[in-house]
Amino acid sequence: MRKDGLDAAGLAMLLGVQLLLALNQISIKVVNAGLQPVFFAGLRSALAIFFVWGWLRFRGRPPRLTRAALLPGLVLGAVFAAEFLFLFVALDLTTVGRASVLMYSMPLWFALMAHFGLGDRITPMKALGLALAFAGTAWAILGGARGGEGSIWGDLCALGAALGWAGTAFIARRPVMRAEGPEMQLYWMVLVSAPILLAVAPLFGPLIREVQPLHLWLLLFQAAIVVAGGFIWWLWLMSVYPPSTVAAFSFLTPVMAILLGAAIFGETLSPAILGPGVLVAAGIVLINRAAARR
């Protein structure tokens, strides 16, 4: 049932899905110790195909790959593959906090793409949000360039992941893929990205590192809970509560990831990461608030 505002149950579920997305990055970094990052990303997509297929069958809407959606579906899946190649490599090279801050600069890049390609004009409030997010992104990268826990190459890979995420969102909102619906979009993403990632994985070194049972369990967690369950959970929240309210909570993910990175991996909570995190989070809030008013 559609609701006009956020109630206690909705708030709890929103906090839960944001925590899940933050744990996503924690689990990626853990599994990278046992599996080569690009190989891990490919295995995750390959397993997720079955979970997303099962969900669509359960909903009575088995996947249908139409000719009209073939080209945009292939492009969507290829961009999705690039997004997660960059993200998994980034989390192998830099800290969870830095990767999350840079990854969640995505609304900045999507707003620019939407301004020129979707007719979604940049308002003064959105422009302020874009400026804050850009300042936070630049600060994070420049901070990494000066040394410390981060890696300039890892930071640039995280930025590449943000651009890939914005690209998938842009393609998903084009007429053909929009008509496919979000669940079929997800099916195209995992179906196409799996063979691409698995094919290029050998270029990034040995496929197996020091794999442990925990890494295999977390791989299953990624495919079933994060990719299939988390995305579908998010879609359900968007269908029940005001989409602008749900989207505005995305600023919590990089904040949670910074705190979890400090608690689990001992990452330093320095101004070099807290400052960019605050700016990017504030930018996300303003960009989404501008969209809500529009």
C-alpha atoms as a PDB file:
ATOM      1  CA  MET A   1       0.000   0.000   0.000  1.00  0.00           C
ATOM      2  CA  ARG A   2       1.357   3.386  -1.029  1.00  0.00           C
ATOM      3  CA  LYS A   3       2.170   5.749   1.856  1.00  0.00           C
ATOM      4  CA  ASP A   4       2.497   9.528   1.791  1.00  0.00           C
ATOM      5  CA  GLY A   5       5.192   9.747   4.448  1.00  0.00           C
ATOM      6  CA  LEU A   6       7.837   7.771   6.278  1.00  0.00           C
ATOM      7  CA  ASP A   7       6.609   5.775   9.294  1.00  0.00           C
ATOM      8  CA  ALA A   8       8.625   3.930  11.954  1.00  0.00           C
ATOM      9  CA  ALA A   9       8.678   0.676   9.976  1.00  0.00           C
ATOM     10  CA  GLY A  10       9.822   2.493   6.843  1.00  0.00           C
ATOM     11  CA  LEU A  11      12.565   4.288   8.762  1.00  0.00           C
ATOM     12  CA  ALA A  12      13.823   1.005  10.222  1.00  0.00           C
ATOM     13  CA  MET A  13      13.860  -0.648   6.784  1.00  0.00           C
ATOM     14  CA  LEU A  14      15.621   2.320   5.191  1.00  0.00           C
ATOM     15  CA  LEU A  15      18.314   2.234   7.856  1.00  0.00           C
ATOM     16  CA  GLY A  16      18.595  -1.526   7.302  1.00  0.00           C
ATOM     17  CA  VAL A  17      19.096  -1.271   3.544  1.00  0.00           C
ATOM     18  CA  GLN A  18      21.681   1.505   3.958  1.00  0.00           C
ATOM     19  CA  LEU A  19      23.546  -0.641   6.479  1.00  0.00           C
ATOM     20  CA  LEU A  20      23.398  -3.558   4.026  1.00  0.00           C
ATOM     21  CA  LEU A  21      24.933  -1.400   1.294  1.00  0.00           C
ATOM     22  CA  ALA A  22      27.703  -0.308   3.670  1.00  0.00           C
ATOM     23  CA  LEU A  23      28.357  -3.930   4.655  1.00  0.00           C
ATOM     24  CA  ASN A  24      28.536  -4.690   0.939  1.00  0.00           C
ATOM     25  CA  GLN A  25      31.803  -2.769   0.712  1.00  0.00           C
ATOM     26  CA  ILE A  26      33.141  -4.323   3.909  1.00  0.00           C
ATOM     27  CA  SER A  27      32.456  -7.821   2.587  1.00  0.00           C
ATOM     28  CA  ILE A  28      34.055  -7.048  -0.784  1.00  0.00           C
ATOM     29  CA  LYS A  29      37.282  -6.016   0.932  1.00  0.00           C
ATOM     30  CA  VAL A  30      37.256  -9.165   3.058  1.00  0.00           C
ATOM     31  CA  VAL A  31      36.699 -11.508   0.093  1.00  0.00           C
ATOM     32  CA  ASN A  32      39.387  -9.742  -1.961  1.00  0.00           C
ATOM     33  CA  ALA A  33      41.890 -11.413   0.370  1.00  0.00           C
ATOM     34  CA  GLY A  34      40.796 -14.826  -0.915  1.00  0.00           C
ATOM     35  CA  LEU A  35      39.647 -14.172  -4.480  1.00  0.00           C
ATOM     36  CA  GLN A  36      41.076 -11.869  -7.111  1.00  0.00           C
ATOM     37  CA  PRO A  37      38.717  -8.834  -7.228  1.00  0.00           C
ATOM     38  CA  VAL A  38      37.585  -9.022 -10.877  1.00  0.00           C
ATOM     39  CA  PHE A  39      37.123 -12.800 -10.684  1.00  0.00           C
ATOM     40  CA  PHE A  40      35.104 -12.286  -7.486  1.00  0.00           C
ATOM     41  CA  ALA A  41      32.921  -9.684  -9.221  1.00  0.00           C
ATOM     42  CA  GLY A  42      32.300 -12.063 -12.130  1.00  0.00           C
ATOM     43  CA  LEU A  43      31.386 -14.961  -9.847  1.00  0.00           C
ATOM     44  CA  ARG A  44      29.001 -12.705  -7.945  1.00  0.00           C
ATOM     45  CA  SER A  45      27.182 -11.669 -11.124  1.00  0.00           C
ATOM     46  CA  ALA A  46      27.068 -15.283 -12.360  1.00  0.00           C
ATOM     47  CA  LEU A  47      25.468 -16.510  -9.124  1.00  0.00           C
ATOM     48  CA  ALA A  48      23.117 -13.515  -9.006  1.00  0.00           C
ATOM     49  CA  ILE A  49      21.672 -14.504 -12.406  1.00  0.00           C
ATOM     50  CA  PHE A  50      19.977 -17.502 -10.771  1.00  0.00           C
ATOM     51  CA  PHE A  51      18.684 -15.543  -7.795  1.00  0.00           C
ATOM     52  CA  VAL A  52      17.212 -12.755  -9.947  1.00  0.00           C
ATOM     53  CA  TRP A  53      15.753 -15.343 -12.364  1.00  0.00           C
ATOM     54  CA  GLY A  54      14.169 -17.146  -9.415  1.00  0.00           C
ATOM     55  CA  TRP A  55      12.672 -13.932  -8.088  1.00  0.00           C
ATOM     56  CA  LEU A  56      11.160 -13.051 -11.471  1.00  0.00           C
ATOM     57  CA  ARG A  57       9.716 -16.565 -11.770  1.00  0.00           C
ATOM     58  CA  PHE A  58       8.293 -16.269  -8.256  1.00  0.00           C
ATOM     59  CA  ARG A  59       6.627 -13.002  -9.258  1.00  0.00           C
ATOM     60  CA  GLY A  60       5.084 -14.727 -12.277  1.00  0.00           C
ATOM     61  CA  ARG A  61       7.151 -12.652 -14.694  1.00  0.00           C
ATOM     62  CA  PRO A  62       9.887 -14.950 -16.073  1.00  0.00           C
ATOM     63  CA  PRO A  63      12.680 -13.051 -17.895  1.00  0.00           C
ATOM     64  CA  ARG A  64      12.040 -12.263 -21.547  1.00  0.00           C
ATOM     65  CA  LEU A  65      14.936 -10.983 -23.643  1.00  0.00           C
ATOM     66  CA  THR A  66      13.275  -8.950 -26.383  1.00  0.00           C
ATOM     67  CA  ARG A  67      14.934  -7.818 -29.605  1.00  0.00           C
ATOM     68  CA  ALA A  68      14.146  -4.175 -28.867  1.00  0.00           C
ATOM     69  CA  ALA A  69      16.034  -4.338 -25.565  1.00  0.00           C
ATOM     70  CA  LEU A  70      18.997  -6.334 -26.899  1.00  0.00           C
ATOM     71  CA  LEU A  71      21.385  -3.495 -27.752  1.00  0.00           C
ATOM     72  CA  PRO A  72      20.588  -1.225 -24.770  1.00  0.00           C
ATOM     73  CA  GLY A  73      20.581  -4.298 -22.510  1.00  0.00           C
ATOM     74  CA  LEU A  74      24.058  -5.269 -23.686  1.00  0.00           C
ATOM     75  CA  VAL A  75      25.300  -1.709 -23.175  1.00  0.00           C
ATOM     76  CA  LEU A  76      23.706  -1.564 -19.715  1.00  0.00           C
ATOM     77  CA  GLY A  77      25.351  -4.842 -18.711  1.00  0.00           C
ATOM     78  CA  ALA A  78      28.736  -3.756 -20.069  1.00  0.00           C
ATOM     79  CA  VAL A  79      28.654  -0.483 -18.115  1.00  0.00           C
ATOM     80  CA  PHE A  80      27.551  -2.405 -15.020  1.00  0.00           C
ATOM     81  CA  ALA A  81      30.563  -4.706 -15.501  1.00  0.00           C
ATOM     82  CA  ALA A  82      32.895  -1.693 -15.697  1.00  0.00           C
ATOM     83  CA  GLU A  83      31.307  -0.183 -12.582  1.00  0.00           C
ATOM     84  CA  PHE A  84      31.994  -3.223 -10.443  1.00  0.00           C
ATOM     85  CA  LEU A  85      35.377  -3.976 -11.962  1.00  0.00           C
ATOM     86  CA  PHE A  86      36.444  -0.520 -10.786  1.00  0.00           C
ATOM     87  CA  LEU A  87      34.766  -0.846  -7.384  1.00  0.00           C
ATOM     88  CA  PHE A  88      36.211  -4.268  -6.536  1.00  0.00           C
ATOM     89  CA  VAL A  89      39.705  -3.191  -7.629  1.00  0.00           C
ATOM     90  CA  ALA A  90      39.324   0.069  -5.684  1.00  0.00           C
ATOM     91  CA  LEU A  91      38.545  -1.821  -2.483  1.00  0.00           C
ATOM     92  CA  ASP A  92      41.677  -3.889  -3.084  1.00  0.00           C
ATOM     93  CA  LEU A  93      43.834  -0.756  -3.278  1.00  0.00           C
ATOM     94  CA  THR A  94      42.308   1.823  -0.960  1.00  0.00           C
ATOM     95  CA  THR A  95      40.301   1.997   2.259  1.00  0.00           C
ATOM     96  CA  VAL A  96      36.588   1.257   2.586  1.00  0.00           C
ATOM     97  CA  GLY A  97      35.902   4.813   3.746  1.00  0.00           C
ATOM     98  CA  ARG A  98      37.654   6.471   0.808  1.00  0.00           C
ATOM     99  CA  ALA A  99      36.140   4.089  -1.740  1.00  0.00           C
ATOM    100  CA  SER A 100      32.647   4.675  -0.349  1.00  0.00           C
ATOM    101  CA  VAL A 101      32.926   8.478  -0.327  1.00  0.00           C
ATOM    102  CA  LEU A 102      34.113   8.514  -3.939  1.00  0.00           C
ATOM    103  CA  MET A 103      31.604   5.862  -5.065  1.00  0.00           C
ATOM    104  CA  TYR A 104      28.740   7.863  -3.564  1.00  0.00           C
ATOM    105  CA  SER A 105      29.676  10.952  -5.526  1.00  0.00           C
ATOM    106  CA  MET A 106      27.498   9.209  -8.156  1.00  0.00           C
ATOM    107  CA  PRO A 107      24.572  11.715  -7.838  1.00  0.00           C
ATOM    108  CA  LEU A 108      26.968  14.448  -8.989  1.00  0.00           C
ATOM    109  CA  TRP A 109      27.818  12.671 -12.236  1.00  0.00           C
ATOM    110  CA  PHE A 110      24.270  11.426 -12.824  1.00  0.00           C
ATOM    111  CA  ALA A 111      22.833  14.930 -12.362  1.00  0.00           C
ATOM    112  CA  LEU A 112      25.217  16.218 -15.030  1.00  0.00           C
ATOM    113  CA  MET A 113      24.281  13.365 -17.392  1.00  0.00           C
ATOM    114  CA  ALA A 114      20.566  13.920 -16.732  1.00  0.00           C
ATOM    115  CA  HIS A 115      20.907  17.673 -17.336  1.00  0.00           C
ATOM    116  CA  PHE A 116      22.298  17.143 -20.835  1.00  0.00           C
ATOM    117  CA  GLY A 117      20.694  13.819 -21.785  1.00  0.00           C
ATOM    118  CA  LEU A 118      17.355  13.528 -19.964  1.00  0.00           C
ATOM    119  CA  GLY A 119      16.171  17.126 -19.754  1.00  0.00           C
ATOM    120  CA  ASP A 120      16.373  17.151 -15.951  1.00  0.00           C
ATOM    121  CA  ARG A 121      17.612  20.714 -15.478  1.00  0.00           C
ATOM    122  CA  ILE A 122      20.036  21.725 -12.749  1.00  0.00           C
ATOM    123  CA  THR A 123      18.298  24.068 -10.287  1.00  0.00           C
ATOM    124  CA  PRO A 124      20.152  26.446  -7.920  1.00  0.00           C
ATOM    125  CA  MET A 125      19.699  24.050  -4.977  1.00  0.00           C
ATOM    126  CA  LYS A 126      20.895  21.117  -7.047  1.00  0.00           C
ATOM    127  CA  ALA A 127      23.850  23.192  -8.245  1.00  0.00           C
ATOM    128  CA  LEU A 128      24.839  23.828  -4.626  1.00  0.00           C
ATOM    129  CA  GLY A 129      24.602  20.090  -3.916  1.00  0.00           C
ATOM    130  CA  LEU A 130      26.733  19.354  -6.986  1.00  0.00           C
ATOM    131  CA  ALA A 131      29.345  21.865  -5.855  1.00  0.00           C
ATOM    132  CA  LEU A 132      29.549  20.321  -2.377  1.00  0.00           C
ATOM    133  CA  ALA A 133      29.783  16.777  -3.765  1.00  0.00           C
ATOM    134  CA  PHE A 134      32.458  17.845  -6.256  1.00  0.00           C
ATOM    135  CA  ALA A 135      34.451  19.574  -3.515  1.00  0.00           C
ATOM    136  CA  GLY A 136      34.254  16.442  -1.350  1.00  0.00           C
ATOM    137  CA  THR A 137      35.364  14.248  -4.254  1.00  0.00           C
ATOM    138  CA  ALA A 138      38.304  16.503  -5.102  1.00  0.00           C
ATOM    139  CA  TRP A 139      39.333  16.713  -1.442  1.00  0.00           C
ATOM    140  CA  ALA A 140      39.258  12.918  -1.088  1.00  0.00           C
ATOM    141  CA  ILE A 141      41.401  12.358  -4.201  1.00  0.00           C
ATOM    142  CA  LEU A 142      43.892  15.121  -3.361  1.00  0.00           C
ATOM    143  CA  GLY A 143      44.118  13.770   0.188  1.00  0.00           C
ATOM    144  CA  GLY A 144      44.923  10.335  -1.229  1.00  0.00           C
ATOM    145  CA  ALA A 145      47.564  11.816  -3.521  1.00  0.00           C
ATOM    146  CA  ARG A 146      49.401  13.161  -0.489  1.00  0.00           C
ATOM    147  CA  GLY A 147      49.770   9.666   0.971  1.00  0.00           C
ATOM    148  CA  GLY A 148      48.325   8.060   4.065  1.00  0.00           C
ATOM    149  CA  GLU A 149      46.108   4.988   4.127  1.00  0.00           C
ATOM    150  CA  GLY A 150      44.663   5.534   0.690  1.00  0.00           C
ATOM    151  CA  SER A 151      46.000   4.939  -2.815  1.00  0.00           C
ATOM    152  CA  ILE A 152      45.634   7.389  -5.673  1.00  0.00           C
ATOM    153  CA  TRP A 153      44.991   4.493  -8.076  1.00  0.00           C
ATOM    154  CA  GLY A 154      42.422   3.020  -5.722  1.00  0.00           C
ATOM    155  CA  ASP A 155      40.738   6.407  -5.388  1.00  0.00           C
ATOM    156  CA  LEU A 156      40.624   6.852  -9.169  1.00  0.00           C
ATOM    157  CA  CYS A 157      39.116   3.366  -9.539  1.00  0.00           C
ATOM    158  CA  ALA A 158      36.425   4.300  -6.997  1.00  0.00           C
ATOM    159  CA  LEU A 159      35.716   7.425  -9.028  1.00  0.00           C
ATOM    160  CA  GLY A 160      35.471   5.241 -12.134  1.00  0.00           C
ATOM    161  CA  ALA A 161      32.926   3.088 -10.269  1.00  0.00           C
ATOM    162  CA  ALA A 162      30.861   6.206  -9.486  1.00  0.00           C
ATOM    163  CA  LEU A 163      30.879   7.187 -13.165  1.00  0.00           C
ATOM    164  CA  GLY A 164      29.864   3.630 -14.115  1.00  0.00           C
ATOM    165  CA  TRP A 165      27.005   3.699 -11.593  1.00  0.00           C
ATOM    166  CA  ALA A 166      25.804   7.013 -13.017  1.00  0.00           C
ATOM    167  CA  GLY A 167      26.064   5.514 -16.502  1.00  0.00           C
ATOM    168  CA  THR A 168      23.879   2.527 -15.611  1.00  0.00           C
ATOM    169  CA  ALA A 169      21.299   4.845 -14.031  1.00  0.00           C
ATOM    170  CA  PHE A 170      21.311   7.019 -17.159  1.00  0.00           C
ATOM    171  CA  ILE A 171      20.851   4.053 -19.536  1.00  0.00           C
ATOM    172  CA  ALA A 172      18.127   2.593 -17.297  1.00  0.00           C
ATOM    173  CA  ARG A 173      16.129   5.808 -17.663  1.00  0.00           C
ATOM    174  CA  ARG A 174      16.240   5.828 -21.453  1.00  0.00           C
ATOM    175  CA  PRO A 175      12.886   4.866 -23.030  1.00  0.00           C
ATOM    176  CA  VAL A 176      13.613   1.238 -24.024  1.00  0.00           C
ATOM    177  CA  MET A 177      15.185   0.111 -20.761  1.00  0.00           C
ATOM    178  CA  ARG A 178      12.734   2.126 -18.698  1.00  0.00           C
ATOM    179  CA  ALA A 179       9.941   0.093 -20.309  1.00  0.00           C
ATOM    180  CA  GLU A 180      11.714  -3.125 -19.265  1.00  0.00           C
ATOM    181  CA  GLY A 181      11.287  -2.257 -15.576  1.00  0.00           C
ATOM    182  CA  PRO A 182      13.896  -2.272 -12.779  1.00  0.00           C
ATOM    183  CA  GLU A 183      13.901  -6.041 -12.166  1.00  0.00           C
ATOM    184  CA  MET A 184      14.554  -6.864 -15.823  1.00  0.00           C
ATOM    185  CA  GLN A 185      17.196  -4.137 -15.878  1.00  0.00           C
ATOM    186  CA  LEU A 186      18.924  -5.947 -13.008  1.00  0.00           C
ATOM    187  CA  TYR A 187      18.638  -9.228 -14.921  1.00  0.00           C
ATOM    188  CA  TRP A 188      20.315  -7.665 -17.964  1.00  0.00           C
ATOM    189  CA  MET A 189      23.060  -6.251 -15.730  1.00  0.00           C
ATOM    190  CA  VAL A 190      24.054  -9.540 -14.131  1.00  0.00           C
ATOM    191  CA  LEU A 191      23.476 -11.626 -17.276  1.00  0.00           C
ATOM    192  CA  VAL A 192      25.818  -9.505 -19.398  1.00  0.00           C
ATOM    193  CA  SER A 193      28.361  -8.510 -16.758  1.00  0.00           C
ATOM    194  CA  ALA A 194      29.120 -12.083 -15.611  1.00  0.00           C
ATOM    195  CA  PRO A 195      30.808 -13.322 -18.837  1.00  0.00           C
ATOM    196  CA  ILE A 196      32.582  -9.984 -19.364  1.00  0.00           C
ATOM    197  CA  LEU A 197      34.094  -9.943 -15.877  1.00  0.00           C
ATOM    198  CA  LEU A 198      35.032 -13.625 -15.932  1.00  0.00           C
ATOM    199  CA  ALA A 199      36.648 -13.220 -19.375  1.00  0.00           C
ATOM    200  CA  VAL A 200      38.857 -10.275 -18.362  1.00  0.00           C
ATOM    201  CA  ALA A 201      39.652 -11.544 -14.846  1.00  0.00           C
ATOM    202  CA  PRO A 202      42.856 -13.424 -15.873  1.00  0.00           C
ATOM    203  CA  LEU A 203      44.326 -10.079 -16.980  1.00  0.00           C
ATOM    204  CA  PHE A 204      44.366  -8.952 -13.338  1.00  0.00           C
ATOM    205  CA  GLY A 205      46.503 -11.763 -11.926  1.00  0.00           C
ATOM    206  CA  PRO A 206      45.928 -15.182 -10.332  1.00  0.00           C
ATOM    207  CA  LEU A 207      42.245 -15.898  -9.768  1.00  0.00           C
ATOM    208  CA  ILE A 208      42.665 -17.528  -6.359  1.00  0.00           C
ATOM    209  CA  ARG A 209      44.562 -15.937  -3.482  1.00  0.00           C
ATOM    210  CA  GLU A 210      44.194 -17.457   0.012  1.00  0.00           C
ATOM    211  CA  VAL A 211      40.566 -18.502  -0.124  1.00  0.00           C
ATOM    212  CA  GLN A 212      38.843 -19.473   3.117  1.00  0.00           C
ATOM    213  CA  PRO A 213      35.305 -20.788   3.810  1.00  0.00           C
ATOM    214  CA  LEU A 214      34.313 -17.294   5.034  1.00  0.00           C
ATOM    215  CA  HIS A 215      35.121 -15.869   1.597  1.00  0.00           C
ATOM    216  CA  LEU A 216      32.805 -18.375  -0.094  1.00  0.00           C
ATOM    217  CA  TRP A 217      29.989 -17.629   2.337  1.00  0.00           C
ATOM    218  CA  LEU A 218      30.430 -13.900   1.709  1.00  0.00           C
ATOM    219  CA  LEU A 219      30.376 -14.527  -2.045  1.00  0.00           C
ATOM    220  CA  LEU A 220      26.984 -16.189  -1.612  1.00  0.00           C
ATOM    221  CA  PHE A 221      25.877 -13.310   0.647  1.00  0.00           C
ATOM    222  CA  GLN A 222      26.878 -10.834  -2.069  1.00  0.00           C
ATOM    223  CA  ALA A 223      24.986 -12.636  -4.838  1.00  0.00           C
ATOM    224  CA  ALA A 224      21.810 -13.527  -2.941  1.00  0.00           C
ATOM    225  CA  ILE A 225      21.414 -10.771  -0.349  1.00  0.00           C
ATOM    226  CA  VAL A 226      23.221  -7.720  -1.712  1.00  0.00           C
ATOM    227  CA  VAL A 227      22.687  -7.947  -5.477  1.00  0.00           C
ATOM    228  CA  ALA A 228      19.275  -9.634  -5.635  1.00  0.00           C
ATOM    229  CA  GLY A 229      17.767  -9.051  -2.183  1.00  0.00           C
ATOM    230  CA  GLY A 230      19.137  -5.561  -1.522  1.00  0.00           C
ATOM    231  CA  PHE A 231      18.131  -4.176  -4.887  1.00  0.00           C
ATOM    232  CA  ILE A 232      14.642  -5.671  -4.725  1.00  0.00           C
ATOM    233  CA  TRP A 233      14.245  -4.423  -1.151  1.00  0.00           C
ATOM    234  CA  TRP A 234      15.185  -0.936  -2.341  1.00  0.00           C
ATOM    235  CA  LEU A 235      12.667  -1.162  -5.213  1.00  0.00           C
ATOM    236  CA  TRP A 236       9.931  -2.163  -2.790  1.00  0.00           C
ATOM    237  CA  LEU A 237      10.691   0.797  -0.521  1.00  0.00           C
ATOM    238  CA  MET A 238      10.582   3.116  -3.551  1.00  0.00           C
ATOM    239  CA  SER A 239       7.173   1.703  -4.489  1.00  0.00           C
ATOM    240  CA  VAL A 240       5.664   2.175  -1.003  1.00  0.00           C
ATOM    241  CA  TYR A 241       7.245   5.403   0.300  1.00  0.00           C
ATOM    242  CA  PRO A 242       7.921   8.714  -1.496  1.00  0.00           C
ATOM    243  CA  PRO A 243      10.898   8.031  -3.813  1.00  0.00           C
ATOM    244  CA  SER A 244      12.580  11.340  -2.951  1.00  0.00           C
ATOM    245  CA  THR A 245      12.499  10.441   0.758  1.00  0.00           C
ATOM    246  CA  VAL A 246      13.961   7.003   0.113  1.00  0.00           C
ATOM    247  CA  ALA A 247      16.681   8.409  -2.175  1.00  0.00           C
ATOM    248  CA  ALA A 248      17.643  11.093   0.341  1.00  0.00           C
ATOM    249  CA  PHE A 249      18.722   8.409   2.820  1.00  0.00           C
ATOM    250  CA  SER A 250      21.508   7.285   0.475  1.00  0.00           C
ATOM    251  CA  PHE A 251      23.814   9.781   2.182  1.00  0.00           C
ATOM    252  CA  LEU A 252      23.954   7.386   5.147  1.00  0.00           C
ATOM    253  CA  THR A 253      25.788   4.644   3.255  1.00  0.00           C
ATOM    254  CA  PRO A 254      29.182   6.407   2.960  1.00  0.00           C
ATOM    255  CA  VAL A 255      28.848   7.599   6.569  1.00  0.00           C
ATOM    256  CA  MET A 256      28.200   4.036   7.772  1.00  0.00           C
ATOM    257  CA  ALA A 257      30.986   2.673   5.565  1.00  0.00           C
ATOM    258  CA  ILE A 258      33.502   5.131   7.059  1.00  0.00           C
ATOM    259  CA  LEU A 259      32.523   4.096  10.598  1.00  0.00           C
ATOM    260  CA  LEU A 260      32.531   0.375   9.776  1.00  0.00           C
ATOM    261  CA  GLY A 261      35.904   0.678   8.052  1.00  0.00           C
ATOM    262  CA  ALA A 262      37.321   2.255  11.199  1.00  0.00           C
ATOM    263  CA  ALA A 263      35.722  -0.346  13.492  1.00  0.00           C
ATOM    264  CA  ILE A 264      36.601  -3.465  11.454  1.00  0.00           C
ATOM    265  CA  PHE A 265      39.809  -2.581   9.610  1.00  0.00           C
ATOM    266  CA  GLY A 266      41.190   0.096  11.918  1.00  0.00           C
ATOM    267  CA  GLU A 267      40.978   2.809   9.264  1.00  0.00           C
ATOM    268  CA  THR A 268      41.813   6.275  10.590  1.00  0.00           C
ATOM    269  CA  LEU A 269      38.961   8.749  11.129  1.00  0.00           C
ATOM    270  CA  SER A 270      41.003  11.748  10.024  1.00  0.00           C
ATOM    271  CA  PRO A 271      39.848  15.081   8.524  1.00  0.00           C
ATOM    272  CA  ALA A 272      41.119  13.767   5.164  1.00  0.00           C
ATOM    273  CA  ILE A 273      38.204  11.289   5.094  1.00  0.00           C
ATOM    274  CA  LEU A 274      35.629  12.867   7.433  1.00  0.00           C
ATOM    275  CA  GLY A 275      35.698  16.204   5.586  1.00  0.00           C
ATOM    276  CA  PRO A 276      35.045  14.726   2.129  1.00  0.00           C
ATOM    277  CA  GLY A 277      32.431  12.413   3.648  1.00  0.00           C
ATOM    278  CA  VAL A 278      30.493  15.339   5.114  1.00  0.00           C
ATOM    279  CA  LEU A 279      30.637  17.320   1.855  1.00  0.00           C
ATOM    280  CA  VAL A 280      29.530  14.396  -0.319  1.00  0.00           C
ATOM    281  CA  ALA A 281      26.720  13.482   2.107  1.00  0.00           C
ATOM    282  CA  ALA A 282      25.492  17.103   2.196  1.00  0.00           C
ATOM    283  CA  GLY A 283      25.625  17.245  -1.595  1.00  0.00           C
ATOM    284  CA  ILE A 284      23.537  14.053  -1.896  1.00  0.00           C
ATOM    285  CA  VAL A 285      20.888  15.508   0.453  1.00  0.00           C
ATOM    286  CA  LEU A 286      20.645  18.786  -1.499  1.00  0.00           C
ATOM    287  CA  ILE A 287      20.542  17.062  -4.894  1.00  0.00           C
ATOM    288  CA  ASN A 288      17.707  14.775  -3.747  1.00  0.00           C
ATOM    289  CA  ARG A 289      15.852  17.611  -2.022  1.00  0.00           C
ATOM    290  CA  ALA A 290      15.970  19.610  -5.239  1.00  0.00           C
ATOM    291  CA  ALA A 291      14.556  16.614  -7.116  1.00  0.00           C
ATOM    292  CA  ALA A 292      11.780  16.253  -4.511  1.00  0.00           C
ATOM    293  CA  ARG A 293      10.725  19.906  -4.840  1.00  0.00           C
ATOM    294  CA  ARG A 294      10.722  19.621  -8.617  1.00  0.00           C
END
